[in-house]
Protein backbone atom coordinates (compact mmCIF):
# COMPACT_ATOMS: atom_id res chain seq x y z
CA UNK A 1 -1.93 -44.84 33.25
CA UNK A 2 -3.75 -47.29 31.37
CA UNK A 3 -6.69 -45.26 31.16
CA UNK A 4 -4.46 -42.57 29.41
CA UNK A 5 -2.83 -44.98 27.07
CA UNK A 6 -6.40 -46.54 25.91
CA UNK A 7 -7.64 -42.90 25.40
CA UNK A 8 -4.45 -42.12 23.34
CA UNK A 9 -5.02 -45.33 21.20
CA UNK A 10 -8.31 -44.39 20.63
CA UNK A 11 -7.54 -40.83 19.08
CA UNK A 12 -7.25 -40.27 15.24
CA UNK A 13 -4.08 -39.28 13.59
CA UNK A 14 -5.19 -35.61 13.58
CA UNK A 15 -6.13 -35.75 17.20
CA UNK A 16 -2.68 -37.08 18.09
CA UNK A 17 -1.05 -34.16 16.17
CA UNK A 18 -3.16 -31.30 17.59
CA UNK A 19 -3.27 -32.31 21.21
CA UNK A 20 0.51 -31.97 21.70
CA UNK A 21 0.30 -28.53 19.46
CA UNK A 22 -2.30 -27.10 21.74
CA UNK A 23 -0.31 -28.37 24.94
CA UNK A 24 2.76 -26.61 23.46
CA UNK A 25 0.68 -23.37 22.52
CA UNK A 26 -1.49 -23.07 25.88
CA UNK A 27 1.10 -24.34 28.21
CA UNK A 28 4.63 -24.45 27.17
CA UNK A 29 4.26 -21.08 24.97
CA UNK A 30 3.21 -18.87 27.84
CA UNK A 31 5.83 -20.32 30.13
CA UNK A 32 8.57 -19.48 27.88
CA UNK A 33 7.35 -16.24 26.93
CA UNK A 34 7.13 -15.50 30.75
CA UNK A 35 10.80 -16.70 31.25
CA UNK A 36 12.18 -15.23 28.12
CA UNK A 37 10.69 -11.55 29.07
CA UNK A 38 12.07 -11.87 32.64
CA UNK A 39 15.57 -13.11 31.81
CA UNK A 40 16.28 -11.62 28.36
CA UNK A 41 13.77 -8.82 28.09
CA UNK A 42 15.67 -6.08 29.55
CA UNK A 43 18.96 -6.85 27.70
CA UNK A 44 16.67 -6.74 24.47
CA UNK A 45 15.30 -3.36 25.47
CA UNK A 46 18.51 -1.89 25.93
CA UNK A 47 19.93 -3.33 22.55
CA UNK A 48 16.89 -1.86 20.63
CA UNK A 49 16.83 1.47 22.33
CA UNK A 50 20.83 1.75 21.52
CA UNK A 51 19.98 0.89 17.72
CA UNK A 52 16.47 2.79 17.17
CA UNK A 53 17.66 3.97 13.67
CA UNK A 54 18.17 0.35 12.62
CA UNK A 55 15.11 -1.12 14.27
CA UNK A 56 13.03 1.66 12.64
CA UNK A 57 14.55 0.74 9.12
CA UNK A 58 13.80 -3.22 9.68
CA UNK A 59 10.20 -2.31 10.99
CA UNK A 60 9.49 -0.24 8.04
CA UNK A 61 11.09 -2.73 5.46
CA UNK A 62 8.95 -5.49 7.07
CA UNK A 63 5.83 -3.32 7.09
CA UNK A 64 6.12 -2.41 3.45
CA UNK A 65 6.78 -5.76 2.07
CA UNK A 66 3.70 -7.06 4.20
CA UNK A 67 1.63 -4.41 2.91
CA UNK A 68 2.60 -4.54 -1.10
CA UNK A 69 1.05 -7.66 -1.63
CA UNK A 70 -2.32 -7.41 -0.10
CA UNK A 71 -2.58 -4.02 -1.54
CA UNK A 72 -1.90 -5.67 -4.98
CA UNK A 73 -4.72 -8.08 -4.35
CA UNK A 74 -6.92 -5.21 -3.35
CA UNK A 75 -6.41 -3.38 -6.73
CA UNK A 76 -7.04 -6.38 -8.52
CA UNK A 77 -10.14 -7.23 -7.23
CA UNK A 78 -11.28 -3.58 -7.65
CA UNK A 79 -10.41 -4.09 -11.04
CA UNK A 80 -12.35 -7.16 -11.68
CA UNK A 81 -15.42 -5.87 -9.53
CA UNK A 82 -15.40 -2.14 -10.62
CA UNK A 83 -14.95 -2.74 -14.35
CA UNK A 84 -17.69 -5.56 -14.30
CA UNK A 85 -20.19 -2.91 -12.81
CA UNK A 86 -19.33 -0.51 -15.35
CA UNK A 87 -19.94 -3.07 -18.20
CA UNK A 88 -23.30 -4.01 -16.45
CA UNK A 89 -21.88 -7.42 -15.23
CA UNK A 90 -21.54 -9.18 -11.85
CA UNK A 91 -18.02 -9.87 -11.80
CA UNK A 92 -16.20 -12.40 -9.45
CA UNK A 93 -18.90 -13.78 -7.05
CA UNK A 94 -17.99 -17.48 -6.03
CA UNK A 95 -14.75 -17.42 -4.10
CA UNK A 96 -15.42 -15.64 -0.71
CA UNK A 97 -17.82 -12.88 0.26
CA UNK A 98 -18.66 -11.22 -3.12
CA UNK A 99 -15.74 -12.67 -4.65
CA UNK A 100 -13.63 -10.94 -2.58
CA UNK A 101 -10.91 -13.86 -2.49
CA UNK A 102 -10.85 -14.27 -6.42
CA UNK A 103 -7.66 -12.27 -6.56
CA UNK A 104 -6.14 -14.08 -4.02
CA UNK A 105 -6.54 -17.35 -5.54
CA UNK A 106 -5.41 -15.74 -8.88
CA UNK A 107 -2.28 -14.83 -7.05
CA UNK A 108 -1.73 -17.95 -5.69
CA UNK A 109 -2.32 -19.92 -8.98
CA UNK A 110 0.31 -17.62 -11.08
CA UNK A 111 2.84 -18.51 -7.95
CA UNK A 112 1.91 -22.44 -8.34
CA UNK A 113 2.44 -22.32 -12.12
CA UNK A 114 5.59 -24.02 -13.79
CA UNK A 115 8.56 -21.68 -13.65
CA UNK A 116 9.93 -21.95 -16.82
CA UNK A 117 13.10 -20.50 -18.29
CA UNK A 118 13.75 -20.65 -22.25
CA UNK A 119 16.46 -22.58 -23.38
CA UNK A 120 18.71 -19.98 -25.05
CA UNK A 121 17.52 -17.07 -22.36
CA UNK A 122 20.35 -15.51 -20.15
CA UNK A 123 19.18 -17.26 -17.08
CA UNK A 124 20.92 -15.10 -14.56
CA UNK A 125 19.35 -11.70 -16.14
CA UNK A 126 16.29 -13.62 -16.69
CA UNK A 127 15.80 -14.47 -13.31
CA UNK A 128 17.01 -10.86 -11.66
CA UNK A 129 14.82 -8.86 -14.28
CA UNK A 130 11.45 -9.37 -12.08
CA UNK A 131 13.38 -8.87 -8.75
CA UNK A 132 14.54 -5.26 -10.13
CA UNK A 133 11.27 -4.39 -11.31
CA UNK A 134 9.42 -5.17 -8.10
CA UNK A 135 12.03 -3.56 -5.74
CA UNK A 136 12.08 -0.55 -7.62
CA UNK A 137 8.47 -0.10 -6.98
CA UNK A 138 8.34 -1.34 -3.35
CA UNK A 139 11.64 0.76 -2.26
CA UNK A 140 9.82 3.97 -3.07
CA UNK A 141 7.35 3.10 -0.16
CA UNK A 142 10.15 4.26 2.29
CA UNK A 143 9.78 7.85 1.63
CA UNK A 144 6.01 8.22 1.57
CA UNK A 145 4.55 9.54 4.78
CA UNK A 146 1.38 7.65 5.65
CA UNK A 147 0.54 9.58 8.71
CA UNK A 148 1.79 12.60 11.05
CA UNK A 149 4.21 12.24 13.58
CA UNK A 150 3.87 13.04 17.42
CA UNK A 151 4.48 16.71 18.47
CA UNK A 152 6.90 16.88 21.45
CA UNK A 153 5.21 18.87 24.15
CA UNK A 154 8.62 20.53 25.33
CA UNK A 155 10.13 21.39 22.22
CA UNK A 156 7.13 21.70 19.92
CA UNK A 157 8.88 19.63 17.23
CA UNK A 158 7.03 17.17 15.23
CA UNK A 159 8.59 13.66 14.60
CA UNK A 160 8.86 11.89 11.09
CA UNK A 161 5.40 9.83 11.89
CA UNK A 162 4.34 7.06 9.68
CA UNK A 163 7.21 7.05 7.29
CA UNK A 164 10.20 4.69 6.80
CA UNK A 165 12.90 7.28 6.13
CA UNK A 166 12.19 11.10 6.15
CA UNK A 167 14.83 12.08 3.54
CA UNK A 168 15.48 15.71 3.00
CA UNK A 169 15.78 14.45 -0.51
CA UNK A 170 12.83 12.31 -0.62
CA UNK A 171 11.65 13.22 -4.11
CA UNK A 172 15.16 12.87 -5.59
CA UNK A 173 15.34 9.44 -4.04
CA UNK A 174 12.07 8.49 -5.40
CA UNK A 175 12.57 9.67 -8.93
CA UNK A 176 16.06 7.88 -8.89
CA UNK A 177 14.72 4.62 -7.69
CA UNK A 178 11.61 4.73 -9.41
CA UNK A 179 13.90 5.26 -13.00
CA UNK A 180 15.31 1.64 -11.99
CA UNK A 181 12.07 0.12 -13.30
CA UNK A 182 13.18 0.51 -16.78
CA UNK A 183 16.39 -1.35 -16.28
CA UNK A 184 14.40 -4.27 -15.02
CA UNK A 185 12.05 -4.23 -18.04
CA UNK A 186 15.03 -3.98 -20.65
CA UNK A 187 16.64 -6.86 -18.72
CA UNK A 188 13.56 -8.98 -18.99
CA UNK A 189 13.11 -8.12 -22.76
CA UNK A 190 16.63 -8.82 -23.71
CA UNK A 191 17.49 -11.72 -21.59
CA UNK A 192 14.23 -13.62 -23.00
CA UNK A 193 15.82 -14.33 -26.20
CA UNK A 194 12.47 -13.23 -28.01
CA UNK A 195 12.04 -10.66 -30.39
CA UNK A 196 8.66 -10.09 -29.29
CA UNK A 197 10.19 -9.39 -25.76
CA UNK A 198 12.78 -7.31 -26.92
CA UNK A 199 10.47 -5.14 -28.82
CA UNK A 200 8.41 -4.75 -25.55
CA UNK A 201 11.32 -4.06 -23.56
CA UNK A 202 12.79 -1.24 -26.18
CA UNK A 203 9.11 0.09 -26.18
CA UNK A 204 9.16 0.37 -22.25
CA UNK A 205 12.68 2.15 -22.32
CA UNK A 206 11.48 4.52 -24.81
CA UNK A 207 8.21 5.21 -23.02
CA UNK A 208 9.69 5.49 -19.59
CA UNK A 209 12.76 7.81 -20.43
CA UNK A 210 10.28 10.12 -22.59
CA UNK A 211 7.99 10.73 -19.53
CA UNK A 212 10.47 10.46 -16.80
CA UNK A 213 11.48 14.20 -18.15
CA UNK A 214 7.96 15.98 -17.81
CA UNK A 215 7.27 13.87 -14.69
CA UNK A 216 10.52 15.42 -12.98
CA UNK A 217 9.95 18.58 -14.27
CA UNK A 218 6.13 18.81 -13.20
CA UNK A 219 7.08 18.81 -9.35
CA UNK A 220 9.94 21.75 -9.65
CA UNK A 221 7.53 24.15 -9.31
CA UNK A 222 6.10 22.64 -6.13
CA UNK A 223 9.77 22.36 -4.85
CA UNK A 224 10.08 26.04 -5.43
CA UNK A 225 6.89 26.62 -3.34
CA UNK A 226 7.43 24.27 -0.64
CA UNK A 227 11.41 25.09 -0.33
CA UNK A 228 12.04 21.49 0.26
CA UNK A 229 12.26 17.94 -1.25
CA UNK A 230 11.14 16.13 1.69
CA UNK A 231 7.84 14.46 1.28
CA UNK A 232 7.10 14.82 5.06
CA UNK A 233 7.60 18.45 5.11
CA UNK A 234 5.52 18.84 2.13
CA UNK A 235 2.81 16.93 3.68
CA UNK A 236 3.14 19.13 6.67
CA UNK A 237 2.72 22.45 4.73
CA UNK A 238 -0.50 21.16 3.38
CA UNK A 239 -2.30 20.83 7.00
CA UNK A 240 -5.07 23.02 7.91
CA UNK A 241 -7.74 22.59 5.25
CA UNK A 242 -8.37 21.77 1.46
CA UNK A 243 -7.33 25.51 0.64
CA UNK A 244 -3.66 24.87 1.53
CA UNK A 245 -3.27 21.89 -0.90
CA UNK A 246 -0.63 22.41 -3.76
CA UNK A 247 -2.91 21.24 -6.45
CA UNK A 248 -4.80 24.73 -6.12
CA UNK A 249 -1.26 26.31 -6.41
CA UNK A 250 0.02 24.03 -8.96
CA UNK A 251 -2.77 22.86 -11.05
CA UNK A 252 -0.97 22.43 -14.15
CA UNK A 253 1.61 20.50 -12.28
CA UNK A 254 -0.54 18.27 -10.87
CA UNK A 255 -2.22 17.46 -14.07
CA UNK A 256 1.13 16.86 -15.79
CA UNK A 257 2.24 14.71 -13.03
CA UNK A 258 -0.71 12.48 -12.97
CA UNK A 259 -0.51 11.95 -16.91
CA UNK A 260 3.27 11.32 -16.71
CA UNK A 261 3.09 8.95 -13.69
CA UNK A 262 0.25 6.92 -15.62
CA UNK A 263 2.62 6.47 -18.50
CA UNK A 264 5.37 5.59 -16.03
CA UNK A 265 3.27 2.77 -14.55
CA UNK A 266 2.32 1.48 -17.80
CA UNK A 267 -1.31 2.17 -17.27
CA UNK A 268 -4.18 2.45 -19.70
CA UNK A 269 -4.06 4.27 -21.94
CA UNK A 270 -0.37 4.14 -22.11
CA UNK A 271 -0.15 0.20 -21.59
CA UNK A 272 2.12 -0.31 -24.83
CA UNK A 273 4.70 -2.23 -23.21
CA UNK A 274 2.22 -4.87 -22.66
CA UNK A 275 0.02 -4.42 -26.00
CA UNK A 276 -1.47 -7.99 -26.30
CA UNK A 277 -2.95 -7.17 -29.95
CA UNK A 278 0.60 -5.86 -31.26
CA UNK A 279 3.47 -7.63 -29.23
CA UNK A 280 1.98 -10.73 -27.37
CA UNK A 281 2.64 -9.78 -23.89
CA UNK A 282 5.77 -7.37 -24.40
CA UNK A 283 8.68 -7.85 -22.09
CA UNK A 284 6.95 -10.72 -20.08
CA UNK A 285 6.10 -12.88 -22.80
CA UNK A 286 8.61 -15.52 -21.85
CA UNK A 287 7.82 -15.31 -18.21
CA UNK A 288 5.64 -17.87 -15.92
CA UNK A 289 5.18 -18.82 -12.52
CA UNK A 290 6.48 -17.02 -9.65
CA UNK A 291 8.69 -14.33 -11.88
CA UNK A 292 5.75 -13.57 -13.76
CA UNK A 293 3.86 -12.85 -10.39
CA UNK A 294 6.54 -10.55 -9.59
CA UNK A 295 6.04 -8.44 -12.79
CA UNK A 296 2.34 -8.66 -12.38
CA UNK A 297 2.19 -7.65 -8.78
CA UNK A 298 4.74 -4.68 -9.47
CA UNK A 299 2.40 -3.09 -11.95
CA UNK A 300 -0.24 -2.89 -9.24
CA UNK A 301 1.91 -1.78 -6.48
CA UNK A 302 2.71 1.14 -8.73
CA UNK A 303 -0.75 1.91 -9.11
CA UNK A 304 -0.94 2.61 -5.23
CA UNK A 305 2.37 4.39 -5.25
CA UNK A 306 1.31 6.81 -7.85
CA UNK A 307 -1.92 7.38 -6.07
CA UNK A 308 -0.22 7.92 -2.91
CA UNK A 309 2.30 10.46 -4.44
CA UNK A 310 -0.65 12.43 -6.09
CA UNK A 311 -2.07 12.65 -2.42
CA UNK A 312 1.21 13.45 -0.71
CA UNK A 313 2.29 16.09 -3.31
CA UNK A 314 -0.85 17.71 -4.11
CA UNK A 315 -3.81 16.72 -2.28
CA UNK A 316 -2.94 17.27 1.41
CA UNK A 317 -1.51 13.80 2.24
CA UNK A 318 -2.86 12.84 5.64
CA UNK A 319 -4.85 15.96 6.22
CA UNK A 320 -8.41 16.22 6.35
CA UNK A 321 -10.40 18.26 3.75
CA UNK A 322 -11.89 20.44 6.56
CA UNK A 323 -10.22 20.85 9.97
CA UNK A 324 -12.36 19.12 12.67
CA UNK A 325 -13.17 20.46 16.27
CA UNK A 326 -10.61 18.72 18.52
CA UNK A 327 -12.37 16.26 20.73
CA UNK A 328 -10.48 14.25 23.43
CA UNK A 329 -12.32 11.37 25.65
CA UNK A 330 -9.66 11.64 28.49
CA UNK A 331 -9.90 7.93 29.04
CA UNK A 332 -7.65 6.79 32.00
CA UNK A 333 -7.97 3.00 31.90
CA UNK A 334 -5.08 2.45 34.04
CA UNK A 335 -6.86 3.96 36.91
CA UNK A 336 -9.33 1.15 37.08
CA UNK A 337 -6.64 -1.16 38.05
CA UNK A 338 -8.03 -4.81 39.00
CA UNK A 339 -11.44 -3.70 37.83
CA UNK A 340 -10.12 -3.38 34.35
CA UNK A 341 -8.83 -6.86 34.32
CA UNK A 342 -12.15 -8.25 35.69
CA UNK A 343 -14.02 -6.23 32.85
CA UNK A 344 -11.66 -7.81 30.13
CA UNK A 345 -12.33 -11.19 31.36
CA UNK A 346 -16.12 -10.92 31.94
CA UNK A 347 -17.40 -8.54 29.46
CA UNK A 348 -16.55 -10.62 26.30
CA UNK A 349 -18.57 -13.72 27.18
CA UNK A 350 -21.35 -11.84 28.36
CA UNK A 351 -21.63 -9.34 25.48
CA UNK A 352 -21.12 -12.53 23.25
CA UNK A 353 -24.24 -14.29 24.84
CA UNK A 354 -26.09 -10.90 24.80
CA UNK A 355 -25.43 -10.88 20.76
CA UNK A 356 -26.03 -14.24 20.25
CA UNK A 357 -29.39 -14.06 21.93
CA UNK A 358 -31.35 -12.48 18.90
CA UNK A 359 -30.02 -15.09 16.38
CA UNK A 360 -31.19 -18.00 18.57
CA UNK A 361 -34.57 -16.31 19.12
CA UNK A 362 -34.96 -15.74 15.57
CA UNK A 363 -34.75 -19.28 14.44
CA UNK A 364 -36.30 -22.22 16.61
CA UNK A 365 -34.34 -24.50 14.08
CA UNK A 366 -30.88 -22.86 14.92
CA UNK A 367 -28.36 -24.88 16.92
CA UNK A 368 -27.11 -23.06 20.19
CA UNK A 369 -23.44 -23.26 18.92
CA UNK A 370 -24.34 -21.46 15.71
CA UNK A 371 -25.82 -18.48 17.60
CA UNK A 372 -22.84 -18.40 19.69
CA UNK A 373 -20.67 -18.18 16.73
CA UNK A 374 -22.59 -15.31 15.04
CA UNK A 375 -22.73 -13.36 18.43
CA UNK A 376 -19.05 -13.83 18.81
CA UNK A 377 -18.42 -12.50 15.42
CA UNK A 378 -20.87 -9.39 16.05
CA UNK A 379 -19.10 -8.96 19.44
CA UNK A 380 -15.80 -8.65 17.50
CA UNK A 381 -17.18 -6.23 14.97
CA UNK A 382 -18.53 -3.98 17.50
CA UNK A 383 -15.48 -4.20 19.85
CA UNK A 384 -13.07 -3.43 16.84
CA UNK A 385 -15.33 -0.61 15.80
CA UNK A 386 -15.47 1.00 18.98
CA UNK A 387 -11.48 0.58 19.53
CA UNK A 388 -11.08 2.18 16.10
CA UNK A 389 -13.27 4.85 16.88
CA UNK A 390 -11.54 5.66 20.29
CA UNK A 391 -8.23 5.60 18.29
CA UNK A 392 -9.29 7.83 15.48
CA UNK A 393 -10.30 10.49 18.19
CA UNK A 394 -7.55 10.25 20.55
CA UNK A 395 -4.66 9.74 18.19
CA UNK A 396 -3.68 11.84 15.21
CA UNK A 397 -1.76 9.16 13.50
CA UNK A 398 -4.72 6.78 13.09
CA UNK A 399 -6.85 9.75 11.66
CA UNK A 400 -4.14 10.61 9.45
CA UNK A 401 -3.77 7.09 8.08
CA UNK A 402 -7.14 6.78 7.25
CA UNK A 403 -7.51 10.04 5.25
CA UNK A 404 -4.45 8.82 3.39
CA UNK A 405 -5.72 5.66 2.38
CA UNK A 406 -9.41 6.90 1.51
CA UNK A 407 -7.78 9.55 -0.83
CA UNK A 408 -5.03 6.93 -2.26
CA UNK A 409 -7.73 4.44 -3.08
CA UNK A 410 -9.97 7.20 -4.44
CA UNK A 411 -7.00 7.61 -7.16
CA UNK A 412 -6.83 4.07 -7.27
CA UNK A 413 -10.37 4.10 -8.39
CA UNK A 414 -9.85 6.88 -11.08
CA UNK A 415 -7.12 4.52 -12.44
CA UNK A 416 -9.55 1.64 -12.44
CA UNK A 417 -12.10 3.79 -14.02
CA UNK A 418 -9.49 4.68 -17.01
CA UNK A 419 -8.73 1.10 -17.54
CA UNK A 420 -12.42 0.46 -17.95
CA UNK A 421 -13.01 3.63 -20.39
CA UNK A 422 -10.22 4.74 -22.43
CA UNK A 423 -8.70 3.14 -25.36
CA UNK A 424 -5.12 2.31 -25.96
CA UNK A 425 -3.25 5.19 -27.77
CA UNK A 426 -0.72 4.44 -30.78
CA UNK A 427 3.18 4.38 -30.03
CA UNK A 428 3.50 7.68 -32.27
CA UNK A 429 0.68 9.26 -30.30
CA UNK A 430 2.43 8.34 -27.02
CA UNK A 431 6.01 9.75 -28.00
CA UNK A 432 4.51 13.01 -29.50
CA UNK A 433 2.33 13.56 -26.55
CA UNK A 434 5.31 13.67 -24.39
CA UNK A 435 7.88 15.51 -26.35
CA UNK A 436 5.44 17.95 -28.21
CA UNK A 437 2.74 18.46 -25.26
CA UNK A 438 4.05 17.58 -22.00
CA UNK A 439 7.52 18.58 -21.96
CA UNK A 440 6.88 22.38 -23.02
CA UNK A 441 3.91 22.51 -20.43
CA UNK A 442 6.01 21.48 -17.68
CA UNK A 443 8.70 23.97 -18.51
CA UNK A 444 5.98 26.76 -19.07
CA UNK A 445 4.56 25.52 -15.54
CA UNK A 446 8.04 25.94 -14.09
CA UNK A 447 8.85 29.28 -15.69
CA UNK A 448 5.20 30.80 -14.28
CA UNK A 449 6.00 29.69 -11.11
CA UNK A 450 9.48 31.24 -10.71
CA UNK A 451 8.30 34.43 -12.30
CA UNK A 452 5.28 34.50 -9.79
CA UNK A 453 7.46 33.75 -6.56
CA UNK A 454 9.78 36.59 -7.64
CA UNK A 455 7.03 38.91 -8.34
CA UNK A 456 5.44 38.23 -5.18
CA UNK A 457 8.86 38.71 -3.03
CA UNK A 458 9.38 42.04 -4.82
CA UNK A 459 5.65 43.22 -3.71
CA UNK A 460 5.97 41.95 -0.20
CA UNK A 461 9.40 43.21 0.25
CA UNK A 462 8.53 46.81 -1.30
């Protein structure tokens, strides 16, 4: 006991904190987990199985909130790096590999700034405005299908898949929730007690309301062709190859949707609500700290949402451009039994040593522990790549998710490209383009689509 006391007394403060934590994590944690799984597990499973809809909704909301902020950081980094390369500059290259953590640090810096409220501002409205803007963007994720569902071998029916809620009025919900953004912008501009902010809020209201009409009309032709407003069903109808994508049946509708959605998200060349040279920072002039961060992140979340909607409605959603041949590995790991457990215990350290050996032999001065760390990293990369390849081949939803993300971030790249290339339009050009060009074009697309459907039905029935 004296030896233990002497050892404890010789430990640093950090060691005295870490040792009990390691004991809790490595010893107490597994024991409590086993006890809870044994005693409470069956009751919890019964409760969750009886409320699957609630569980699905909570899981979808949690996943969306966890995905939205990292997506915003990735798009911010893309803007910093891609625009820099377009201008023959290096861009961020200090924080993280290739400057990859620069956007994360910038976001944390925004959240650490002083959260200031103007003296004469309406504090309640001023506080809730960023929340309304951010949630209006995030809530649209609920109806976007990220991947296909499973096909029941008995009934042949497909489940909803990777979607928060497969609403049969998904498009209507999307436009209704997306239209709430203008309410948040008006709240921010009016409550700031600042003329520049008020002008920015009014500009945003005029812009969003004007482009909301052609945005909505641009997809009516697609709805006539698809016969549904469910985004999941629209995605299913585009399976089989790129020739089934709606962009080839609705090219004018896709173009109008892309332009109007760009204006809805206040992206270049329609970013007049934050025209720095004219009205300071628009509706966000008086915001700082976390509330400014919400407004800032909402813009980049909207960029991904627009890209995801373009992919879902017109570019095949999760479908690959070409139908690939069916490949099945027919892996039955459960048949290995105890051998599988032995492989899981033996293979990681053995492969780590094998991957560490080249690093150790390549340099005589390299310490052994550094070679082991590098070998462990290489082993994890190889193992994760192999696991991902198996999942891509064996599971449709992983392959669908990959294709959906690839196509979505291609459109994100287009938005970044536009920001680094196009100049900002004037307010009169902005409004004239919406009312004099996009609105008539969207109506023309609707009439032509409806007439074509009637003609085709008459020809096929005759």
